[in-house]
N, C-alpha and C. Protein backbone atom coordinates (compact mmCIF):
# COMPACT_ATOMS: atom_id res chain seq x y z
N MET A 1 34.81 69.73 68.19
CA MET A 1 34.31 68.69 67.31
C MET A 1 35.44 68.21 66.40
N LYS A 2 35.43 66.93 66.11
CA LYS A 2 36.46 66.34 65.26
C LYS A 2 35.85 65.88 63.94
N ALA A 3 36.50 66.27 62.85
CA ALA A 3 36.10 65.81 61.53
C ALA A 3 37.28 65.08 60.90
N ALA A 4 37.00 64.02 60.18
CA ALA A 4 38.02 63.30 59.43
C ALA A 4 37.75 63.51 57.95
N VAL A 5 38.80 63.76 57.17
CA VAL A 5 38.67 63.90 55.73
C VAL A 5 39.57 62.85 55.08
N ILE A 6 38.96 62.02 54.26
CA ILE A 6 39.69 60.92 53.61
C ILE A 6 40.33 61.42 52.31
N THR A 7 41.55 60.97 52.05
CA THR A 7 42.21 61.26 50.78
C THR A 7 42.49 59.96 50.04
N PHE A 8 42.01 59.89 48.82
CA PHE A 8 42.31 58.78 47.92
C PHE A 8 43.31 59.26 46.87
N PRO A 9 44.01 58.36 46.19
CA PRO A 9 44.78 58.78 45.03
C PRO A 9 43.85 59.42 44.01
N GLY A 10 44.12 60.65 43.63
CA GLY A 10 43.24 61.36 42.70
C GLY A 10 42.29 62.34 43.36
N SER A 11 42.17 62.31 44.70
CA SER A 11 41.37 63.34 45.37
C SER A 11 42.02 64.70 45.12
N ASN A 12 41.21 65.71 44.85
CA ASN A 12 41.78 67.05 44.66
C ASN A 12 41.01 68.14 45.39
N CYS A 13 40.01 67.76 46.18
CA CYS A 13 39.25 68.74 46.95
C CYS A 13 39.35 68.46 48.45
N ASP A 14 40.28 67.60 48.84
CA ASP A 14 40.39 67.26 50.26
C ASP A 14 40.79 68.47 51.09
N ARG A 15 41.73 69.28 50.59
CA ARG A 15 42.13 70.46 51.34
C ARG A 15 40.96 71.44 51.44
N ASP A 16 40.20 71.61 50.35
CA ASP A 16 39.05 72.51 50.39
C ASP A 16 38.04 72.06 51.45
N LEU A 17 37.81 70.75 51.53
CA LEU A 17 36.86 70.23 52.51
C LEU A 17 37.38 70.45 53.93
N ILE A 18 38.69 70.28 54.11
CA ILE A 18 39.30 70.56 55.41
C ILE A 18 39.07 72.01 55.81
N VAL A 19 39.30 72.94 54.88
CA VAL A 19 39.09 74.36 55.16
C VAL A 19 37.63 74.63 55.53
N GLY A 20 36.70 73.99 54.83
CA GLY A 20 35.29 74.18 55.15
C GLY A 20 34.97 73.78 56.58
N PHE A 21 35.49 72.64 57.00
CA PHE A 21 35.28 72.19 58.37
C PHE A 21 35.98 73.11 59.37
N GLU A 22 37.21 73.49 59.07
CA GLU A 22 37.97 74.33 60.01
C GLU A 22 37.34 75.70 60.18
N LYS A 23 36.83 76.28 59.12
CA LYS A 23 36.19 77.59 59.23
C LYS A 23 34.95 77.53 60.12
N ALA A 24 34.34 76.33 60.18
CA ALA A 24 33.17 76.15 61.05
C ALA A 24 33.57 75.83 62.49
N GLY A 25 34.87 75.64 62.73
CA GLY A 25 35.35 75.43 64.09
C GLY A 25 35.76 74.01 64.43
N ALA A 26 35.84 73.13 63.45
CA ALA A 26 36.18 71.73 63.72
C ALA A 26 37.69 71.51 63.72
N GLU A 27 38.11 70.55 64.51
CA GLU A 27 39.48 70.02 64.41
C GLU A 27 39.43 68.93 63.34
N VAL A 28 40.34 68.99 62.38
CA VAL A 28 40.28 68.07 61.24
C VAL A 28 41.49 67.14 61.24
N ILE A 29 41.20 65.87 61.01
CA ILE A 29 42.23 64.84 60.92
C ILE A 29 42.23 64.28 59.50
N ARG A 30 43.39 64.25 58.87
CA ARG A 30 43.50 63.66 57.54
C ARG A 30 43.60 62.14 57.65
N VAL A 31 42.94 61.45 56.75
CA VAL A 31 42.94 59.99 56.75
C VAL A 31 43.33 59.51 55.35
N TRP A 32 44.35 58.66 55.26
CA TRP A 32 44.82 58.13 53.98
C TRP A 32 44.04 56.87 53.63
N HIS A 33 43.85 56.64 52.35
CA HIS A 33 42.98 55.56 51.88
C HIS A 33 43.43 54.17 52.30
N LYS A 34 44.70 53.99 52.62
CA LYS A 34 45.20 52.67 53.00
C LYS A 34 45.01 52.36 54.48
N GLU A 35 44.59 53.35 55.24
CA GLU A 35 44.33 53.09 56.66
C GLU A 35 43.08 52.21 56.78
N THR A 36 43.06 51.42 57.82
CA THR A 36 41.96 50.46 57.98
C THR A 36 40.96 50.88 59.07
N GLU A 37 41.27 51.94 59.79
CA GLU A 37 40.37 52.42 60.83
C GLU A 37 40.28 53.93 60.78
N LEU A 38 39.13 54.46 61.15
CA LEU A 38 38.97 55.90 61.31
C LEU A 38 39.48 56.30 62.69
N PRO A 39 39.94 57.53 62.85
CA PRO A 39 40.41 57.97 64.17
C PRO A 39 39.31 57.88 65.22
N ALA A 40 39.72 57.57 66.43
CA ALA A 40 38.75 57.48 67.54
C ALA A 40 38.15 58.85 67.83
N GLY A 41 36.90 58.86 68.17
CA GLY A 41 36.25 60.10 68.59
C GLY A 41 35.85 61.03 67.48
N VAL A 42 35.85 60.56 66.24
CA VAL A 42 35.47 61.41 65.11
C VAL A 42 33.95 61.62 65.09
N ASP A 43 33.54 62.87 64.87
CA ASP A 43 32.12 63.20 64.87
C ASP A 43 31.50 63.19 63.48
N VAL A 44 32.31 63.42 62.47
CA VAL A 44 31.82 63.44 61.08
C VAL A 44 32.98 63.10 60.16
N VAL A 45 32.67 62.43 59.06
CA VAL A 45 33.68 62.07 58.07
C VAL A 45 33.32 62.72 56.74
N GLY A 46 34.31 63.34 56.10
CA GLY A 46 34.12 63.95 54.80
C GLY A 46 34.81 63.15 53.71
N VAL A 47 34.10 62.89 52.62
CA VAL A 47 34.66 62.20 51.46
C VAL A 47 34.71 63.23 50.33
N PRO A 48 35.91 63.64 49.90
CA PRO A 48 36.03 64.81 49.03
C PRO A 48 35.84 64.52 47.56
N GLY A 49 35.80 65.61 46.80
CA GLY A 49 35.74 65.52 45.36
C GLY A 49 37.09 65.21 44.74
N GLY A 50 37.06 64.95 43.45
CA GLY A 50 38.28 64.63 42.72
C GLY A 50 38.02 63.47 41.77
N PHE A 51 39.03 62.63 41.62
CA PHE A 51 38.95 61.50 40.69
C PHE A 51 39.60 60.29 41.36
N SER A 52 38.97 59.77 42.41
CA SER A 52 39.59 58.70 43.19
C SER A 52 40.00 57.53 42.30
N TYR A 53 41.25 57.14 42.45
CA TYR A 53 41.83 56.04 41.66
C TYR A 53 41.66 56.29 40.16
N GLY A 54 41.68 57.56 39.76
CA GLY A 54 41.58 57.89 38.35
C GLY A 54 40.23 57.64 37.72
N ASP A 55 39.20 57.40 38.54
CA ASP A 55 37.85 57.09 38.03
C ASP A 55 37.84 55.85 37.14
N TYR A 56 38.78 54.93 37.38
CA TYR A 56 38.76 53.69 36.62
C TYR A 56 37.54 52.85 37.00
N LEU A 57 37.14 51.96 36.14
CA LEU A 57 35.93 51.15 36.25
C LEU A 57 34.72 52.06 36.21
N ARG A 58 34.27 52.55 37.35
CA ARG A 58 33.23 53.58 37.45
C ARG A 58 33.69 54.57 38.49
N CYS A 59 33.20 55.80 38.39
CA CYS A 59 33.59 56.81 39.37
C CYS A 59 33.25 56.34 40.78
N GLY A 60 34.25 56.25 41.63
CA GLY A 60 34.03 55.87 43.02
C GLY A 60 34.05 54.38 43.30
N ALA A 61 34.09 53.55 42.25
CA ALA A 61 33.94 52.10 42.45
C ALA A 61 35.14 51.50 43.19
N ILE A 62 36.35 51.92 42.85
CA ILE A 62 37.52 51.35 43.52
C ILE A 62 37.63 51.90 44.94
N ALA A 63 37.35 53.18 45.11
CA ALA A 63 37.39 53.77 46.45
C ALA A 63 36.45 53.05 47.40
N ALA A 64 35.32 52.61 46.88
CA ALA A 64 34.34 51.91 47.72
C ALA A 64 34.89 50.60 48.27
N GLN A 65 35.92 50.04 47.60
CA GLN A 65 36.50 48.78 48.03
C GLN A 65 37.84 48.97 48.75
N SER A 66 38.22 50.20 49.01
CA SER A 66 39.50 50.49 49.65
C SER A 66 39.48 50.07 51.11
N PRO A 67 40.66 49.93 51.74
CA PRO A 67 40.68 49.59 53.17
C PRO A 67 39.88 50.56 54.03
N ILE A 68 40.05 51.88 53.82
CA ILE A 68 39.32 52.83 54.64
C ILE A 68 37.84 52.84 54.28
N GLY A 69 37.51 52.40 53.06
CA GLY A 69 36.11 52.33 52.66
C GLY A 69 35.32 51.38 53.54
N ARG A 70 35.92 50.27 53.87
CA ARG A 70 35.23 49.30 54.75
C ARG A 70 34.99 49.90 56.14
N ALA A 71 35.97 50.67 56.62
CA ALA A 71 35.80 51.32 57.92
C ALA A 71 34.71 52.38 57.86
N LEU A 72 34.62 53.08 56.73
CA LEU A 72 33.59 54.11 56.58
C LEU A 72 32.19 53.51 56.56
N VAL A 73 32.03 52.40 55.87
CA VAL A 73 30.73 51.72 55.85
C VAL A 73 30.33 51.30 57.27
N ASP A 74 31.28 50.79 58.02
CA ASP A 74 31.01 50.38 59.40
C ASP A 74 30.65 51.59 60.26
N TYR A 75 31.36 52.69 60.07
CA TYR A 75 31.10 53.92 60.83
C TYR A 75 29.69 54.43 60.55
N ALA A 76 29.33 54.50 59.27
CA ALA A 76 27.99 54.97 58.91
C ALA A 76 26.92 54.02 59.43
N GLY A 77 27.22 52.72 59.40
CA GLY A 77 26.26 51.73 59.88
C GLY A 77 25.96 51.87 61.36
N LYS A 78 26.88 52.46 62.10
CA LYS A 78 26.69 52.68 63.53
C LYS A 78 26.08 54.04 63.84
N GLY A 79 25.67 54.74 62.77
CA GLY A 79 25.00 56.03 62.98
C GLY A 79 25.90 57.23 62.85
N GLY A 80 27.11 57.07 62.31
CA GLY A 80 28.01 58.19 62.16
C GLY A 80 27.57 59.14 61.06
N TYR A 81 27.97 60.40 61.17
CA TYR A 81 27.66 61.40 60.17
C TYR A 81 28.71 61.39 59.07
N VAL A 82 28.27 61.45 57.83
CA VAL A 82 29.16 61.40 56.67
C VAL A 82 28.65 62.39 55.63
N ILE A 83 29.58 63.14 55.03
CA ILE A 83 29.23 63.97 53.87
C ILE A 83 30.17 63.62 52.73
N GLY A 84 29.60 63.34 51.56
CA GLY A 84 30.38 63.07 50.36
C GLY A 84 30.04 64.10 49.31
N VAL A 85 31.06 64.77 48.78
CA VAL A 85 30.87 65.84 47.81
C VAL A 85 31.44 65.43 46.46
N CYS A 86 30.65 65.56 45.40
CA CYS A 86 31.06 65.30 44.03
C CYS A 86 31.55 63.85 43.91
N ASN A 87 32.84 63.62 43.72
CA ASN A 87 33.33 62.24 43.67
C ASN A 87 33.00 61.51 44.97
N GLY A 88 32.96 62.24 46.08
CA GLY A 88 32.57 61.63 47.35
C GLY A 88 31.14 61.12 47.32
N PHE A 89 30.25 61.83 46.64
CA PHE A 89 28.87 61.38 46.45
C PHE A 89 28.88 60.09 45.64
N GLN A 90 29.68 60.05 44.58
CA GLN A 90 29.79 58.84 43.77
C GLN A 90 30.29 57.66 44.61
N VAL A 91 31.27 57.92 45.48
CA VAL A 91 31.79 56.87 46.34
C VAL A 91 30.70 56.34 47.27
N LEU A 92 29.91 57.23 47.85
CA LEU A 92 28.87 56.81 48.79
C LEU A 92 27.78 55.99 48.11
N THR A 93 27.47 56.31 46.85
CA THR A 93 26.49 55.47 46.14
C THR A 93 27.09 54.11 45.82
N GLU A 94 28.36 54.07 45.48
CA GLU A 94 29.02 52.79 45.21
C GLU A 94 29.10 51.93 46.47
N MET A 95 29.18 52.55 47.63
CA MET A 95 29.19 51.84 48.91
C MET A 95 27.79 51.42 49.33
N ARG A 96 26.79 51.90 48.61
CA ARG A 96 25.37 51.68 48.92
C ARG A 96 24.96 52.34 50.24
N LEU A 97 25.71 53.36 50.63
CA LEU A 97 25.29 54.16 51.77
C LEU A 97 24.21 55.15 51.36
N LEU A 98 24.11 55.40 50.06
CA LEU A 98 23.06 56.23 49.49
C LEU A 98 22.51 55.54 48.26
N PRO A 99 21.24 55.74 47.97
CA PRO A 99 20.64 55.07 46.80
C PRO A 99 20.95 55.81 45.51
N GLY A 100 20.72 55.13 44.38
CA GLY A 100 20.87 55.75 43.09
C GLY A 100 22.28 55.63 42.54
N ALA A 101 22.51 56.31 41.43
CA ALA A 101 23.81 56.27 40.76
C ALA A 101 24.05 57.59 40.05
N LEU A 102 25.32 57.93 39.87
CA LEU A 102 25.70 59.14 39.15
C LEU A 102 26.20 58.74 37.76
N MET A 103 25.53 59.23 36.75
CA MET A 103 25.81 58.87 35.37
C MET A 103 26.50 60.04 34.65
N ARG A 104 26.90 59.78 33.40
CA ARG A 104 27.48 60.83 32.56
C ARG A 104 26.49 61.97 32.39
N ASN A 105 26.98 63.21 32.46
CA ASN A 105 26.12 64.37 32.28
C ASN A 105 25.30 64.26 31.00
N GLY A 106 24.08 64.74 31.05
CA GLY A 106 23.20 64.64 29.91
C GLY A 106 23.77 65.24 28.64
N GLY A 107 24.54 66.33 28.77
CA GLY A 107 25.13 66.97 27.60
C GLY A 107 26.47 66.41 27.22
N LEU A 108 26.93 65.37 27.94
CA LEU A 108 28.19 64.67 27.66
C LEU A 108 29.41 65.58 27.78
N LYS A 109 29.28 66.63 28.59
CA LYS A 109 30.39 67.56 28.77
C LYS A 109 30.68 67.76 30.26
N TYR A 110 31.94 68.03 30.55
CA TYR A 110 32.34 68.43 31.90
C TYR A 110 31.83 69.85 32.15
N ILE A 111 31.22 70.07 33.31
CA ILE A 111 30.63 71.37 33.62
C ILE A 111 31.28 71.92 34.88
N SER A 112 31.76 73.14 34.83
CA SER A 112 32.36 73.79 35.99
C SER A 112 31.89 75.23 36.05
N LYS A 113 30.99 75.53 36.98
CA LYS A 113 30.45 76.89 37.12
C LYS A 113 29.60 76.96 38.38
N PRO A 114 29.36 78.14 38.91
CA PRO A 114 28.39 78.27 40.01
C PRO A 114 26.98 78.04 39.48
N VAL A 115 26.16 77.35 40.28
CA VAL A 115 24.78 77.11 39.88
C VAL A 115 23.85 77.39 41.05
N PRO A 116 22.61 77.79 40.77
CA PRO A 116 21.64 77.98 41.85
C PRO A 116 21.13 76.63 42.36
N LEU A 117 21.08 76.49 43.66
CA LEU A 117 20.49 75.32 44.31
C LEU A 117 19.30 75.78 45.13
N VAL A 118 18.30 74.92 45.21
CA VAL A 118 17.15 75.18 46.07
C VAL A 118 17.20 74.19 47.23
N VAL A 119 17.16 74.69 48.44
CA VAL A 119 17.17 73.83 49.63
C VAL A 119 15.82 73.14 49.72
N SER A 120 15.83 71.81 49.69
CA SER A 120 14.57 71.05 49.63
C SER A 120 14.05 70.64 50.99
N THR A 121 14.92 70.63 52.00
CA THR A 121 14.47 70.27 53.35
C THR A 121 15.37 70.95 54.37
N GLU A 122 14.77 71.32 55.49
CA GLU A 122 15.54 71.83 56.63
C GLU A 122 15.81 70.72 57.64
N GLU A 123 15.20 69.56 57.41
CA GLU A 123 15.17 68.52 58.42
C GLU A 123 16.39 67.59 58.34
N SER A 124 17.56 68.17 58.50
CA SER A 124 18.79 67.39 58.64
C SER A 124 19.83 68.28 59.28
N ALA A 125 20.83 67.67 59.88
CA ALA A 125 21.90 68.46 60.48
C ALA A 125 22.66 69.25 59.41
N PHE A 126 22.66 68.76 58.19
CA PHE A 126 23.40 69.41 57.11
C PHE A 126 22.68 70.65 56.58
N THR A 127 21.36 70.63 56.61
CA THR A 127 20.58 71.70 55.97
C THR A 127 19.83 72.58 56.95
N ALA A 128 19.99 72.34 58.25
CA ALA A 128 19.24 73.09 59.25
C ALA A 128 19.59 74.57 59.27
N GLY A 129 20.73 74.94 58.71
CA GLY A 129 21.13 76.34 58.68
C GLY A 129 20.50 77.13 57.55
N TYR A 130 19.73 76.46 56.72
CA TYR A 130 19.03 77.11 55.62
C TYR A 130 17.52 77.07 55.86
N SER A 131 16.78 77.75 55.02
CA SER A 131 15.33 77.67 55.04
C SER A 131 14.86 76.85 53.85
N LYS A 132 13.83 76.04 54.05
CA LYS A 132 13.27 75.28 52.94
C LYS A 132 12.83 76.23 51.84
N GLY A 133 13.24 75.94 50.61
CA GLY A 133 12.91 76.80 49.48
C GLY A 133 13.93 77.89 49.22
N GLN A 134 14.90 78.05 50.13
CA GLN A 134 15.94 79.07 49.95
C GLN A 134 16.81 78.74 48.74
N GLU A 135 17.15 79.74 47.97
CA GLU A 135 18.04 79.54 46.82
C GLU A 135 19.44 80.00 47.20
N ILE A 136 20.42 79.15 46.97
CA ILE A 136 21.81 79.46 47.25
C ILE A 136 22.63 79.23 45.99
N LEU A 137 23.84 79.79 45.97
CA LEU A 137 24.71 79.66 44.80
C LEU A 137 25.95 78.85 45.19
N ILE A 138 26.12 77.69 44.56
CA ILE A 138 27.20 76.76 44.91
C ILE A 138 27.87 76.30 43.61
N PRO A 139 29.20 76.22 43.57
CA PRO A 139 29.88 75.77 42.34
C PRO A 139 29.70 74.27 42.10
N ILE A 140 29.69 73.90 40.82
CA ILE A 140 29.76 72.50 40.43
C ILE A 140 31.02 72.30 39.58
N ALA A 141 31.49 71.07 39.52
CA ALA A 141 32.65 70.73 38.69
C ALA A 141 32.63 69.22 38.49
N HIS A 142 31.89 68.76 37.48
CA HIS A 142 31.75 67.32 37.30
C HIS A 142 31.43 66.94 35.85
N HIS A 143 31.74 65.69 35.56
CA HIS A 143 31.46 65.11 34.25
C HIS A 143 30.40 64.02 34.36
N ASP A 144 30.30 63.43 35.57
CA ASP A 144 29.37 62.34 35.82
C ASP A 144 28.50 62.69 37.03
N GLY A 145 27.68 63.72 36.87
CA GLY A 145 26.86 64.18 37.99
C GLY A 145 25.38 64.01 37.78
N ASN A 146 25.02 63.23 36.78
CA ASN A 146 23.62 63.03 36.39
C ASN A 146 23.01 61.97 37.32
N TYR A 147 22.32 62.43 38.37
CA TYR A 147 21.78 61.51 39.37
C TYR A 147 20.54 60.80 38.84
N GLN A 148 20.58 59.47 38.92
CA GLN A 148 19.47 58.65 38.46
C GLN A 148 19.10 57.61 39.51
N ILE A 149 17.82 57.32 39.59
CA ILE A 149 17.31 56.32 40.52
C ILE A 149 16.00 55.79 39.94
N ASP A 150 15.65 54.56 40.26
CA ASP A 150 14.41 54.00 39.69
C ASP A 150 13.18 54.68 40.30
N ALA A 151 12.03 54.43 39.69
CA ALA A 151 10.80 55.12 40.09
C ALA A 151 10.45 54.86 41.55
N GLU A 152 10.64 53.62 42.00
CA GLU A 152 10.32 53.29 43.39
C GLU A 152 11.25 54.01 44.35
N GLY A 153 12.54 54.04 44.00
CA GLY A 153 13.50 54.74 44.85
C GLY A 153 13.24 56.23 44.90
N LEU A 154 12.89 56.80 43.77
CA LEU A 154 12.58 58.23 43.72
C LEU A 154 11.37 58.55 44.57
N LYS A 155 10.36 57.71 44.50
CA LYS A 155 9.16 57.91 45.32
C LYS A 155 9.50 57.88 46.80
N ALA A 156 10.41 56.99 47.18
CA ALA A 156 10.83 56.90 48.58
C ALA A 156 11.56 58.17 49.01
N LEU A 157 12.49 58.65 48.17
CA LEU A 157 13.21 59.88 48.50
C LEU A 157 12.26 61.04 48.68
N GLN A 158 11.30 61.16 47.77
CA GLN A 158 10.35 62.27 47.84
C GLN A 158 9.43 62.13 49.04
N GLY A 159 8.92 60.92 49.27
CA GLY A 159 7.97 60.71 50.36
C GLY A 159 8.59 60.82 51.73
N GLU A 160 9.88 60.52 51.84
CA GLU A 160 10.58 60.58 53.12
C GLU A 160 11.35 61.88 53.30
N ASP A 161 11.14 62.85 52.41
CA ASP A 161 11.78 64.16 52.51
C ASP A 161 13.31 64.03 52.57
N ARG A 162 13.85 63.18 51.68
CA ARG A 162 15.28 62.91 51.71
C ARG A 162 16.04 63.55 50.55
N VAL A 163 15.37 64.37 49.76
CA VAL A 163 16.09 65.18 48.78
C VAL A 163 16.57 66.43 49.51
N ALA A 164 17.88 66.59 49.61
CA ALA A 164 18.44 67.70 50.36
C ALA A 164 18.48 68.99 49.54
N PHE A 165 18.92 68.86 48.29
CA PHE A 165 19.03 70.02 47.40
C PHE A 165 18.56 69.64 46.00
N ARG A 166 17.98 70.62 45.32
CA ARG A 166 17.65 70.48 43.90
C ARG A 166 18.30 71.62 43.13
N TYR A 167 18.62 71.36 41.87
CA TYR A 167 19.15 72.41 41.01
C TYR A 167 18.06 73.39 40.65
N GLY A 168 18.38 74.67 40.73
CA GLY A 168 17.45 75.68 40.26
C GLY A 168 17.36 75.69 38.74
N ALA A 169 18.45 75.33 38.09
CA ALA A 169 18.50 75.17 36.63
C ALA A 169 19.34 73.93 36.37
N ASN A 170 18.70 72.84 36.02
CA ASN A 170 19.35 71.52 35.94
C ASN A 170 20.48 71.54 34.91
N PRO A 171 21.74 71.30 35.35
CA PRO A 171 22.86 71.38 34.41
C PRO A 171 23.26 70.05 33.79
N ASN A 172 22.73 68.94 34.32
CA ASN A 172 23.31 67.63 33.94
C ASN A 172 22.30 66.53 33.63
N GLY A 173 21.01 66.82 33.76
CA GLY A 173 19.99 65.82 33.47
C GLY A 173 19.51 65.01 34.65
N SER A 174 19.94 65.34 35.87
CA SER A 174 19.54 64.58 37.05
C SER A 174 18.02 64.49 37.17
N VAL A 175 17.53 63.31 37.53
CA VAL A 175 16.11 63.11 37.70
C VAL A 175 15.58 64.01 38.81
N ASP A 176 14.43 64.60 38.60
CA ASP A 176 13.77 65.47 39.58
C ASP A 176 14.68 66.63 40.01
N ASP A 177 15.65 66.99 39.17
CA ASP A 177 16.58 68.09 39.44
C ASP A 177 17.42 67.85 40.70
N ILE A 178 17.60 66.60 41.09
CA ILE A 178 18.25 66.29 42.38
C ILE A 178 19.74 66.61 42.34
N ALA A 179 20.18 67.37 43.34
CA ALA A 179 21.60 67.72 43.50
C ALA A 179 22.21 67.09 44.73
N GLY A 180 21.39 66.63 45.68
CA GLY A 180 21.90 66.01 46.90
C GLY A 180 20.82 65.21 47.60
N VAL A 181 21.20 64.09 48.20
CA VAL A 181 20.24 63.23 48.88
C VAL A 181 20.75 62.81 50.25
N LEU A 182 19.81 62.42 51.11
CA LEU A 182 20.10 61.98 52.47
C LEU A 182 19.82 60.49 52.62
N SER A 183 20.52 59.86 53.54
CA SER A 183 20.27 58.45 53.88
C SER A 183 18.98 58.34 54.68
N GLU A 184 18.55 57.13 54.93
CA GLU A 184 17.30 56.91 55.67
C GLU A 184 17.37 57.50 57.07
N ASN A 185 18.53 57.43 57.72
CA ASN A 185 18.64 58.01 59.07
C ASN A 185 19.04 59.47 59.04
N ARG A 186 19.19 60.05 57.83
CA ARG A 186 19.46 61.47 57.62
C ARG A 186 20.84 61.88 58.12
N ARG A 187 21.72 60.92 58.32
CA ARG A 187 23.07 61.23 58.81
C ARG A 187 24.15 61.11 57.75
N VAL A 188 23.76 60.72 56.56
CA VAL A 188 24.69 60.65 55.42
C VAL A 188 24.13 61.54 54.32
N LEU A 189 24.95 62.47 53.85
CA LEU A 189 24.57 63.37 52.76
C LEU A 189 25.54 63.20 51.61
N GLY A 190 25.00 63.04 50.42
CA GLY A 190 25.80 63.10 49.20
C GLY A 190 25.28 64.23 48.33
N MET A 191 26.20 65.04 47.80
CA MET A 191 25.79 66.13 46.92
C MET A 191 26.86 66.37 45.88
N MET A 192 26.45 66.69 44.63
CA MET A 192 27.41 66.96 43.57
C MET A 192 28.01 68.35 43.67
N PRO A 193 27.26 69.41 43.95
CA PRO A 193 27.87 70.74 44.08
C PRO A 193 28.83 70.79 45.27
N HIS A 194 29.73 71.77 45.23
CA HIS A 194 30.83 71.88 46.19
C HIS A 194 30.59 72.98 47.23
N PRO A 195 29.98 72.69 48.37
CA PRO A 195 29.79 73.74 49.37
C PRO A 195 31.12 74.24 49.95
N GLU A 196 32.14 73.38 49.94
CA GLU A 196 33.45 73.77 50.50
C GLU A 196 34.14 74.82 49.63
N ARG A 197 33.68 75.00 48.40
CA ARG A 197 34.22 76.04 47.54
C ARG A 197 33.44 77.35 47.67
N ALA A 198 32.51 77.39 48.60
CA ALA A 198 31.69 78.59 48.81
C ALA A 198 31.65 78.93 50.29
N VAL A 199 32.84 79.03 50.89
CA VAL A 199 32.92 79.38 52.31
C VAL A 199 33.78 80.62 52.54
N ASP A 200 34.25 81.26 51.47
CA ASP A 200 35.14 82.41 51.58
C ASP A 200 34.69 83.46 50.57
N ALA A 201 34.38 84.65 51.06
CA ALA A 201 33.90 85.71 50.17
C ALA A 201 34.91 86.05 49.09
N ASN A 202 36.20 85.87 49.40
CA ASN A 202 37.24 86.18 48.41
C ASN A 202 37.23 85.19 47.24
N HIS A 203 36.55 84.06 47.42
CA HIS A 203 36.47 83.06 46.37
C HIS A 203 35.14 83.11 45.62
N GLY A 204 34.34 84.13 45.91
CA GLY A 204 33.13 84.32 45.12
C GLY A 204 31.82 84.14 45.86
N GLY A 205 31.85 83.70 47.12
CA GLY A 205 30.59 83.55 47.85
C GLY A 205 30.74 82.69 49.08
N THR A 206 29.76 82.77 49.97
CA THR A 206 29.82 82.04 51.23
C THR A 206 28.57 81.22 51.49
N ASP A 207 27.81 80.91 50.46
CA ASP A 207 26.55 80.20 50.66
C ASP A 207 26.75 78.77 51.18
N GLY A 208 27.93 78.22 51.03
CA GLY A 208 28.19 76.88 51.53
C GLY A 208 28.53 76.82 53.00
N ALA A 209 28.88 77.97 53.58
CA ALA A 209 29.36 77.99 54.97
C ALA A 209 28.29 77.51 55.95
N ALA A 210 27.04 77.82 55.68
CA ALA A 210 25.96 77.45 56.60
C ALA A 210 25.83 75.94 56.75
N LEU A 211 26.18 75.20 55.71
CA LEU A 211 26.12 73.74 55.80
C LEU A 211 27.07 73.23 56.86
N PHE A 212 28.30 73.71 56.84
CA PHE A 212 29.29 73.24 57.81
C PHE A 212 28.97 73.74 59.21
N ARG A 213 28.51 74.99 59.33
CA ARG A 213 28.16 75.52 60.65
C ARG A 213 26.98 74.77 61.25
N SER A 214 25.95 74.54 60.45
CA SER A 214 24.76 73.89 61.00
C SER A 214 25.06 72.44 61.37
N LEU A 215 25.91 71.78 60.57
CA LEU A 215 26.30 70.41 60.89
C LEU A 215 27.00 70.35 62.24
N LEU A 216 28.01 71.19 62.41
CA LEU A 216 28.77 71.16 63.67
C LEU A 216 27.92 71.63 64.85
N ASP A 217 27.08 72.64 64.64
CA ASP A 217 26.19 73.09 65.71
C ASP A 217 25.23 71.97 66.11
N GLY A 218 24.73 71.24 65.11
CA GLY A 218 23.82 70.14 65.39
C GLY A 218 24.48 69.02 66.16
N LEU A 219 25.74 68.75 65.85
CA LEU A 219 26.45 67.70 66.55
C LEU A 219 26.75 68.10 68.00
N VAL A 220 27.01 69.39 68.22
CA VAL A 220 27.27 69.86 69.58
C VAL A 220 26.04 69.67 70.46
N THR A 221 24.84 69.92 69.89
CA THR A 221 23.62 69.84 70.69
C THR A 221 22.96 68.47 70.66
N ALA A 222 23.50 67.55 69.84
CA ALA A 222 22.88 66.22 69.70
C ALA A 222 22.99 65.42 70.99
């Protein structure tokens, strides 16, 4: 399986995301933000955490207009699998590949610590390796992770089982404790916590590894 990981100026979790994919058995191709096409034959694209373009304007806003951003929108529009983590989640909302917006944390502080997440659905390639209701421990590291969406959009997410993860103890004020959401076709996932930082026991835990394994296993059998 082939995974592509995009690097923007200011990305700082691209290598971590590469390691997450590689530990699950994927061949990973690095993609620079100025490229205009994704590599041929890519099965999934990862948009990493960090501070793309210095978080100027709004977090993820400039990355959404980058040359590779247009290629990513086209890829997702054709049914491609995409995962955006932290700043990557912000980028995907700015691209309108996912609904809602990420706002300043409710406590107005940058938060970096492991937090409990509750798996809200098993019905996606990203979450099939977990059980619904399972609690896992995944690190967060963000200043603008407060997920907000209007009442109609929230009702749609809930009714269509598109909330992927919820915080066990809400750290940032996100509506409905939402930590990650899925697109309508369930092939795009955005989440603020960092599963790629939880794939090695020497780094404090491996609860994120199942996400990468289940994704790649699902793509093999798709």
